[in-house]
Amino acid sequence: NGFPYERAEGKRVFLMGGGIGVPPILELAKQM
């Protein structure tokens, strides 16, 4: 289902990744 990143508009956000959970955070950061 992916991340509902639209919910963060105008808000302070943590994008958190650890280990091999780091890569999916990159595209999220680009589109956020």
ModelCIF file with pLDDT and N, C-alpha, C, O atoms, coordinates in Angstrom:
data_MODEL
#
_entry.id   MODEL 
#
_entity.id                         1 
_entity.type                       polymer 
_entity.pdbx_number_of_molecules   1 
#
_entity_poly.entity_id                      1 
_entity_poly.type                           'polypeptide(L)' 
_entity_poly.nstd_linkage                   no 
_entity_poly.nstd_monomer                   no 
_entity_poly.pdbx_seq_one_letter_code       NGFPYERAEGKRVFLMGGGIGVPPILELAKQM 
_entity_poly.pdbx_seq_one_letter_code_can   NGFPYERAEGKRVFLMGGGIGVPPILELAKQM 
_entity_poly.pdbx_strand_id                 A 
#
loop_
_entity_poly_seq.entity_id 
_entity_poly_seq.num 
_entity_poly_seq.mon_id 
_entity_poly_seq.hetero 
1 1  ASN n 
1 2  GLY n 
1 3  PHE n 
1 4  PRO n 
1 5  TYR n 
1 6  GLU n 
1 7  ARG n 
1 8  ALA n 
1 9  GLU n 
1 10 GLY n 
1 11 LYS n 
1 12 ARG n 
1 13 VAL n 
1 14 PHE n 
1 15 LEU n 
1 16 MET n 
1 17 GLY n 
1 18 GLY n 
1 19 GLY n 
1 20 ILE n 
1 21 GLY n 
1 22 VAL n 
1 23 PRO n 
1 24 PRO n 
1 25 ILE n 
1 26 LEU n 
1 27 GLU n 
1 28 LEU n 
1 29 ALA n 
1 30 LYS n 
1 31 GLN n 
1 32 MET n 
#
_struct_asym.id          A 
_struct_asym.entity_id   1 
#
loop_
_ma_qa_metric.id 
_ma_qa_metric.mode 
_ma_qa_metric.name 
_ma_qa_metric.software_group_id 
_ma_qa_metric.type 
1 global pLDDT . pLDDT 
2 local  pLDDT . pLDDT 
#
_ma_qa_metric_global.metric_id      1 
_ma_qa_metric_global.metric_value   95.41 
_ma_qa_metric_global.model_id       1 
_ma_qa_metric_global.ordinal_id     1 
#
loop_
_ma_qa_metric_local.label_asym_id 
_ma_qa_metric_local.label_comp_id 
_ma_qa_metric_local.label_seq_id 
_ma_qa_metric_local.metric_id 
_ma_qa_metric_local.metric_value 
_ma_qa_metric_local.model_id 
_ma_qa_metric_local.ordinal_id 
A ASN 1  2 92.00 1 1  
A GLY 2  2 94.00 1 2  
A PHE 3  2 96.00 1 3  
A PRO 4  2 95.00 1 4  
A TYR 5  2 93.00 1 5  
A GLU 6  2 92.00 1 6  
A ARG 7  2 91.00 1 7  
A ALA 8  2 92.00 1 8  
A GLU 9  2 92.00 1 9  
A GLY 10 2 93.00 1 10 
A LYS 11 2 96.00 1 11 
A ARG 12 2 97.00 1 12 
A VAL 13 2 98.00 1 13 
A PHE 14 2 98.00 1 14 
A LEU 15 2 98.00 1 15 
A MET 16 2 98.00 1 16 
A GLY 17 2 97.00 1 17 
A GLY 18 2 96.00 1 18 
A GLY 19 2 93.00 1 19 
A ILE 20 2 93.00 1 20 
A GLY 21 2 95.00 1 21 
A VAL 22 2 97.00 1 22 
A PRO 23 2 97.00 1 23 
A PRO 24 2 96.00 1 24 
A ILE 25 2 97.00 1 25 
A LEU 26 2 98.00 1 26 
A GLU 27 2 98.00 1 27 
A LEU 28 2 97.00 1 28 
A ALA 29 2 97.00 1 29 
A LYS 30 2 97.00 1 30 
A GLN 31 2 96.00 1 31 
A MET 32 2 94.00 1 32 
#
loop_
_atom_site.group_PDB 
_atom_site.id 
_atom_site.type_symbol 
_atom_site.label_atom_id 
_atom_site.label_alt_id 
_atom_site.label_comp_id 
_atom_site.label_asym_id 
_atom_site.label_entity_id 
_atom_site.label_seq_id 
_atom_site.pdbx_PDB_ins_code 
_atom_site.Cartn_x 
_atom_site.Cartn_y 
_atom_site.Cartn_z 
_atom_site.occupancy 
_atom_site.B_iso_or_equiv 
_atom_site.pdbx_formal_charge 
_atom_site.auth_seq_id 
_atom_site.auth_comp_id 
_atom_site.auth_asym_id 
_atom_site.auth_atom_id 
_atom_site.pdbx_PDB_model_num 
ATOM 1   N N  . ASN A 1 1  ? 0.782  -1.235 0.000  1.00 92.00 ? 1  ASN A N  1 
ATOM 2   C CA . ASN A 1 1  ? 0.000  0.000  0.000  1.00 92.00 ? 1  ASN A CA 1 
ATOM 3   C C  . ASN A 1 1  ? 0.813  1.283  0.000  1.00 92.00 ? 1  ASN A C  1 
ATOM 4   O O  . ASN A 1 1  ? 0.279  2.330  -0.367 1.00 92.00 ? 1  ASN A O  1 
ATOM 5   N N  . GLY A 1 2  ? 2.072  1.250  0.392  1.00 94.00 ? 2  GLY A N  1 
ATOM 6   C CA . GLY A 1 2  ? 2.884  2.462  0.397  1.00 94.00 ? 2  GLY A CA 1 
ATOM 7   C C  . GLY A 1 2  ? 2.546  3.412  1.534  1.00 94.00 ? 2  GLY A C  1 
ATOM 8   O O  . GLY A 1 2  ? 1.601  3.191  2.291  1.00 94.00 ? 2  GLY A O  1 
ATOM 9   N N  . PHE A 1 3  ? 3.345  4.489  1.639  1.00 96.00 ? 3  PHE A N  1 
ATOM 10  C CA . PHE A 1 3  ? 3.171  5.487  2.709  1.00 96.00 ? 3  PHE A CA 1 
ATOM 11  C C  . PHE A 1 3  ? 2.159  6.556  2.299  1.00 96.00 ? 3  PHE A C  1 
ATOM 12  O O  . PHE A 1 3  ? 2.213  7.044  1.170  1.00 96.00 ? 3  PHE A O  1 
ATOM 13  N N  . PRO A 1 4  ? 1.231  6.934  3.195  1.00 95.00 ? 4  PRO A N  1 
ATOM 14  C CA . PRO A 1 4  ? 0.287  8.020  2.907  1.00 95.00 ? 4  PRO A CA 1 
ATOM 15  C C  . PRO A 1 4  ? 0.953  9.373  3.161  1.00 95.00 ? 4  PRO A C  1 
ATOM 16  O O  . PRO A 1 4  ? 0.616  10.070 4.118  1.00 95.00 ? 4  PRO A O  1 
ATOM 17  N N  . TYR A 1 5  ? 1.887  9.731  2.308  1.00 93.00 ? 5  TYR A N  1 
ATOM 18  C CA . TYR A 1 5  ? 2.706  10.919 2.561  1.00 93.00 ? 5  TYR A CA 1 
ATOM 19  C C  . TYR A 1 5  ? 1.930  12.230 2.397  1.00 93.00 ? 5  TYR A C  1 
ATOM 20  O O  . TYR A 1 5  ? 2.375  13.279 2.863  1.00 93.00 ? 5  TYR A O  1 
ATOM 21  N N  . GLU A 1 6  ? 0.781  12.170 1.741  1.00 92.00 ? 6  GLU A N  1 
ATOM 22  C CA . GLU A 1 6  ? -0.024 13.386 1.560  1.00 92.00 ? 6  GLU A CA 1 
ATOM 23  C C  . GLU A 1 6  ? -0.516 13.952 2.893  1.00 92.00 ? 6  GLU A C  1 
ATOM 24  O O  . GLU A 1 6  ? -0.838 15.137 2.988  1.00 92.00 ? 6  GLU A O  1 
ATOM 25  N N  . ARG A 1 7  ? -0.571 13.098 3.926  1.00 91.00 ? 7  ARG A N  1 
ATOM 26  C CA . ARG A 1 7  ? -1.086 13.517 5.230  1.00 91.00 ? 7  ARG A CA 1 
ATOM 27  C C  . ARG A 1 7  ? -0.133 14.480 5.952  1.00 91.00 ? 7  ARG A C  1 
ATOM 28  O O  . ARG A 1 7  ? -0.515 15.090 6.951  1.00 91.00 ? 7  ARG A O  1 
ATOM 29  N N  . ALA A 1 8  ? 1.083  14.618 5.461  1.00 92.00 ? 8  ALA A N  1 
ATOM 30  C CA . ALA A 1 8  ? 2.093  15.394 6.185  1.00 92.00 ? 8  ALA A CA 1 
ATOM 31  C C  . ALA A 1 8  ? 2.238  16.830 5.690  1.00 92.00 ? 8  ALA A C  1 
ATOM 32  O O  . ALA A 1 8  ? 3.119  17.550 6.159  1.00 92.00 ? 8  ALA A O  1 
ATOM 33  N N  . GLU A 1 9  ? 1.409  17.255 4.769  1.00 92.00 ? 9  GLU A N  1 
ATOM 34  C CA . GLU A 1 9  ? 1.574  18.586 4.192  1.00 92.00 ? 9  GLU A CA 1 
ATOM 35  C C  . GLU A 1 9  ? 1.527  19.661 5.277  1.00 92.00 ? 9  GLU A C  1 
ATOM 36  O O  . GLU A 1 9  ? 0.584  19.723 6.067  1.00 92.00 ? 9  GLU A O  1 
ATOM 37  N N  . GLY A 1 10 ? 2.550  20.495 5.302  1.00 93.00 ? 10 GLY A N  1 
ATOM 38  C CA . GLY A 1 10 ? 2.614  21.592 6.268  1.00 93.00 ? 10 GLY A CA 1 
ATOM 39  C C  . GLY A 1 10 ? 3.024  21.191 7.669  1.00 93.00 ? 10 GLY A C  1 
ATOM 40  O O  . GLY A 1 10 ? 3.043  22.040 8.560  1.00 93.00 ? 10 GLY A O  1 
ATOM 41  N N  . LYS A 1 11 ? 3.355  19.925 7.897  1.00 96.00 ? 11 LYS A N  1 
ATOM 42  C CA . LYS A 1 11 ? 3.682  19.441 9.243  1.00 96.00 ? 11 LYS A CA 1 
ATOM 43  C C  . LYS A 1 11 ? 5.177  19.136 9.388  1.00 96.00 ? 11 LYS A C  1 
ATOM 44  O O  . LYS A 1 11 ? 5.904  18.997 8.405  1.00 96.00 ? 11 LYS A O  1 
ATOM 45  N N  . ARG A 1 12 ? 5.609  19.035 10.660 1.00 97.00 ? 12 ARG A N  1 
ATOM 46  C CA . ARG A 1 12 ? 6.979  18.593 10.947 1.00 97.00 ? 12 ARG A CA 1 
ATOM 47  C C  . ARG A 1 12 ? 6.992  17.058 10.885 1.00 97.00 ? 12 ARG A C  1 
ATOM 48  O O  . ARG A 1 12 ? 6.154  16.390 11.491 1.00 97.00 ? 12 ARG A O  1 
ATOM 49  N N  . VAL A 1 13 ? 7.953  16.526 10.144 1.00 98.00 ? 13 VAL A N  1 
ATOM 50  C CA . VAL A 1 13 ? 7.938  15.089 9.867  1.00 98.00 ? 13 VAL A CA 1 
ATOM 51  C C  . VAL A 1 13 ? 9.278  14.442 10.211 1.00 98.00 ? 13 VAL A C  1 
ATOM 52  O O  . VAL A 1 13 ? 10.341 15.012 9.965  1.00 98.00 ? 13 VAL A O  1 
ATOM 53  N N  . PHE A 1 14 ? 9.200  13.216 10.796 1.00 98.00 ? 14 PHE A N  1 
ATOM 54  C CA . PHE A 1 14 ? 10.355 12.326 10.881 1.00 98.00 ? 14 PHE A CA 1 
ATOM 55  C C  . PHE A 1 14 ? 10.223 11.279 9.789  1.00 98.00 ? 14 PHE A C  1 
ATOM 56  O O  . PHE A 1 14 ? 9.194  10.610 9.688  1.00 98.00 ? 14 PHE A O  1 
ATOM 57  N N  . LEU A 1 15 ? 11.260 11.134 8.970  1.00 98.00 ? 15 LEU A N  1 
ATOM 58  C CA . LEU A 1 15 ? 11.360 10.006 8.041  1.00 98.00 ? 15 LEU A CA 1 
ATOM 59  C C  . LEU A 1 15 ? 12.472 9.133  8.582  1.00 98.00 ? 15 LEU A C  1 
ATOM 60  O O  . LEU A 1 15 ? 13.638 9.527  8.551  1.00 98.00 ? 15 LEU A O  1 
ATOM 61  N N  . MET A 1 16 ? 12.129 7.946  9.080  1.00 98.00 ? 16 MET A N  1 
ATOM 62  C CA . MET A 1 16 ? 13.073 7.143  9.847  1.00 98.00 ? 16 MET A CA 1 
ATOM 63  C C  . MET A 1 16 ? 13.322 5.795  9.186  1.00 98.00 ? 16 MET A C  1 
ATOM 64  O O  . MET A 1 16 ? 12.381 5.081  8.839  1.00 98.00 ? 16 MET A O  1 
ATOM 65  N N  . GLY A 1 17 ? 14.598 5.451  9.015  1.00 97.00 ? 17 GLY A N  1 
ATOM 66  C CA . GLY A 1 17 ? 14.956 4.167  8.429  1.00 97.00 ? 17 GLY A CA 1 
ATOM 67  C C  . GLY A 1 17 ? 16.125 3.557  9.170  1.00 97.00 ? 17 GLY A C  1 
ATOM 68  O O  . GLY A 1 17 ? 17.010 4.266  9.649  1.00 97.00 ? 17 GLY A O  1 
ATOM 69  N N  . GLY A 1 18 ? 16.124 2.238  9.260  1.00 96.00 ? 18 GLY A N  1 
ATOM 70  C CA . GLY A 1 18 ? 17.220 1.527  9.907  1.00 96.00 ? 18 GLY A CA 1 
ATOM 71  C C  . GLY A 1 18 ? 17.638 0.318  9.102  1.00 96.00 ? 18 GLY A C  1 
ATOM 72  O O  . GLY A 1 18 ? 16.786 -0.434 8.627  1.00 96.00 ? 18 GLY A O  1 
ATOM 73  N N  . GLY A 1 19 ? 18.953 0.113  8.937  1.00 93.00 ? 19 GLY A N  1 
ATOM 74  C CA . GLY A 1 19 ? 19.436 -1.058 8.215  1.00 93.00 ? 19 GLY A CA 1 
ATOM 75  C C  . GLY A 1 19 ? 18.936 -1.074 6.786  1.00 93.00 ? 19 GLY A C  1 
ATOM 76  O O  . GLY A 1 19 ? 19.028 -0.071 6.079  1.00 93.00 ? 19 GLY A O  1 
ATOM 77  N N  . ILE A 1 20 ? 18.405 -2.216 6.356  1.00 93.00 ? 20 ILE A N  1 
ATOM 78  C CA . ILE A 1 20 ? 17.905 -2.317 4.990  1.00 93.00 ? 20 ILE A CA 1 
ATOM 79  C C  . ILE A 1 20 ? 16.512 -1.689 4.882  1.00 93.00 ? 20 ILE A C  1 
ATOM 80  O O  . ILE A 1 20 ? 15.894 -1.726 3.818  1.00 93.00 ? 20 ILE A O  1 
ATOM 81  N N  . GLY A 1 21 ? 16.020 -1.112 5.985  1.00 95.00 ? 21 GLY A N  1 
ATOM 82  C CA . GLY A 1 21 ? 14.813 -0.281 5.947  1.00 95.00 ? 21 GLY A CA 1 
ATOM 83  C C  . GLY A 1 21 ? 15.120 1.157  5.564  1.00 95.00 ? 21 GLY A C  1 
ATOM 84  O O  . GLY A 1 21 ? 14.211 1.983  5.480  1.00 95.00 ? 21 GLY A O  1 
ATOM 85  N N  . VAL A 1 22 ? 16.395 1.467  5.330  1.00 97.00 ? 22 VAL A N  1 
ATOM 86  C CA . VAL A 1 22 ? 16.787 2.813  4.903  1.00 97.00 ? 22 VAL A CA 1 
ATOM 87  C C  . VAL A 1 22 ? 16.359 3.112  3.459  1.00 97.00 ? 22 VAL A C  1 
ATOM 88  O O  . VAL A 1 22 ? 15.812 4.189  3.219  1.00 97.00 ? 22 VAL A O  1 
ATOM 89  N N  . PRO A 1 23 ? 16.579 2.211  2.483  1.00 97.00 ? 23 PRO A N  1 
ATOM 90  C CA . PRO A 1 23 ? 16.297 2.548  1.079  1.00 97.00 ? 23 PRO A CA 1 
ATOM 91  C C  . PRO A 1 23 ? 14.882 3.045  0.777  1.00 97.00 ? 23 PRO A C  1 
ATOM 92  O O  . PRO A 1 23 ? 14.751 4.005  0.017  1.00 97.00 ? 23 PRO A O  1 
ATOM 93  N N  . PRO A 1 24 ? 13.802 2.447  1.329  1.00 96.00 ? 24 PRO A N  1 
ATOM 94  C CA . PRO A 1 24 ? 12.469 2.940  0.969  1.00 96.00 ? 24 PRO A CA 1 
ATOM 95  C C  . PRO A 1 24 ? 12.201 4.368  1.418  1.00 96.00 ? 24 PRO A C  1 
ATOM 96  O O  . PRO A 1 24 ? 11.274 5.011  0.926  1.00 96.00 ? 24 PRO A O  1 
ATOM 97  N N  . ILE A 1 25 ? 13.017 4.874  2.360  1.00 97.00 ? 25 ILE A N  1 
ATOM 98  C CA . ILE A 1 25 ? 12.808 6.232  2.853  1.00 97.00 ? 25 ILE A CA 1 
ATOM 99  C C  . ILE A 1 25 ? 13.252 7.271  1.821  1.00 97.00 ? 25 ILE A C  1 
ATOM 100 O O  . ILE A 1 25 ? 12.798 8.414  1.867  1.00 97.00 ? 25 ILE A O  1 
ATOM 101 N N  . LEU A 1 26 ? 14.138 6.888  0.884  1.00 98.00 ? 26 LEU A N  1 
ATOM 102 C CA . LEU A 1 26 ? 14.648 7.867  -0.074 1.00 98.00 ? 26 LEU A CA 1 
ATOM 103 C C  . LEU A 1 26 ? 13.558 8.412  -0.995 1.00 98.00 ? 26 LEU A C  1 
ATOM 104 O O  . LEU A 1 26 ? 13.415 9.629  -1.115 1.00 98.00 ? 26 LEU A O  1 
ATOM 105 N N  . GLU A 1 27 ? 12.799 7.552  -1.640 1.00 98.00 ? 27 GLU A N  1 
ATOM 106 C CA . GLU A 1 27 ? 11.741 8.047  -2.532 1.00 98.00 ? 27 GLU A CA 1 
ATOM 107 C C  . GLU A 1 27 ? 10.681 8.799  -1.743 1.00 98.00 ? 27 GLU A C  1 
ATOM 108 O O  . GLU A 1 27 ? 10.111 9.770  -2.241 1.00 98.00 ? 27 GLU A O  1 
ATOM 109 N N  . LEU A 1 28 ? 10.412 8.362  -0.524 1.00 97.00 ? 28 LEU A N  1 
ATOM 110 C CA . LEU A 1 28 ? 9.470  9.075  0.341  1.00 97.00 ? 28 LEU A CA 1 
ATOM 111 C C  . LEU A 1 28 ? 9.976  10.494 0.594  1.00 97.00 ? 28 LEU A C  1 
ATOM 112 O O  . LEU A 1 28 ? 9.204  11.450 0.523  1.00 97.00 ? 28 LEU A O  1 
ATOM 113 N N  . ALA A 1 29 ? 11.270 10.634 0.889  1.00 97.00 ? 29 ALA A N  1 
ATOM 114 C CA . ALA A 1 29 ? 11.851 11.956 1.121  1.00 97.00 ? 29 ALA A CA 1 
ATOM 115 C C  . ALA A 1 29 ? 11.747 12.828 -0.128 1.00 97.00 ? 29 ALA A C  1 
ATOM 116 O O  . ALA A 1 29 ? 11.499 14.030 -0.032 1.00 97.00 ? 29 ALA A O  1 
ATOM 117 N N  . LYS A 1 30 ? 11.938 12.221 -1.302 1.00 97.00 ? 30 LYS A N  1 
ATOM 118 C CA . LYS A 1 30 ? 11.879 12.979 -2.547 1.00 97.00 ? 30 LYS A CA 1 
ATOM 119 C C  . LYS A 1 30 ? 10.476 13.498 -2.837 1.00 97.00 ? 30 LYS A C  1 
ATOM 120 O O  . LYS A 1 30 ? 10.314 14.600 -3.361 1.00 97.00 ? 30 LYS A O  1 
ATOM 121 N N  . GLN A 1 31 ? 9.457  12.701 -2.495 1.00 96.00 ? 31 GLN A N  1 
ATOM 122 C CA . GLN A 1 31 ? 8.081  13.079 -2.826 1.00 96.00 ? 31 GLN A CA 1 
ATOM 123 C C  . GLN A 1 31 ? 7.375  13.840 -1.704 1.00 96.00 ? 31 GLN A C  1 
ATOM 124 O O  . GLN A 1 31 ? 6.325  14.442 -1.929 1.00 96.00 ? 31 GLN A O  1 
ATOM 125 N N  . MET A 1 32 ? 7.938  13.816 -0.511 1.00 94.00 ? 32 MET A N  1 
ATOM 126 C CA . MET A 1 32 ? 7.293  14.428 0.642  1.00 94.00 ? 32 MET A CA 1 
ATOM 127 C C  . MET A 1 32 ? 7.270  15.950 0.538  1.00 94.00 ? 32 MET A C  1 
ATOM 128 O O  . MET A 1 32 ? 6.759  16.622 1.433  1.00 94.00 ? 32 MET A O  1 
#
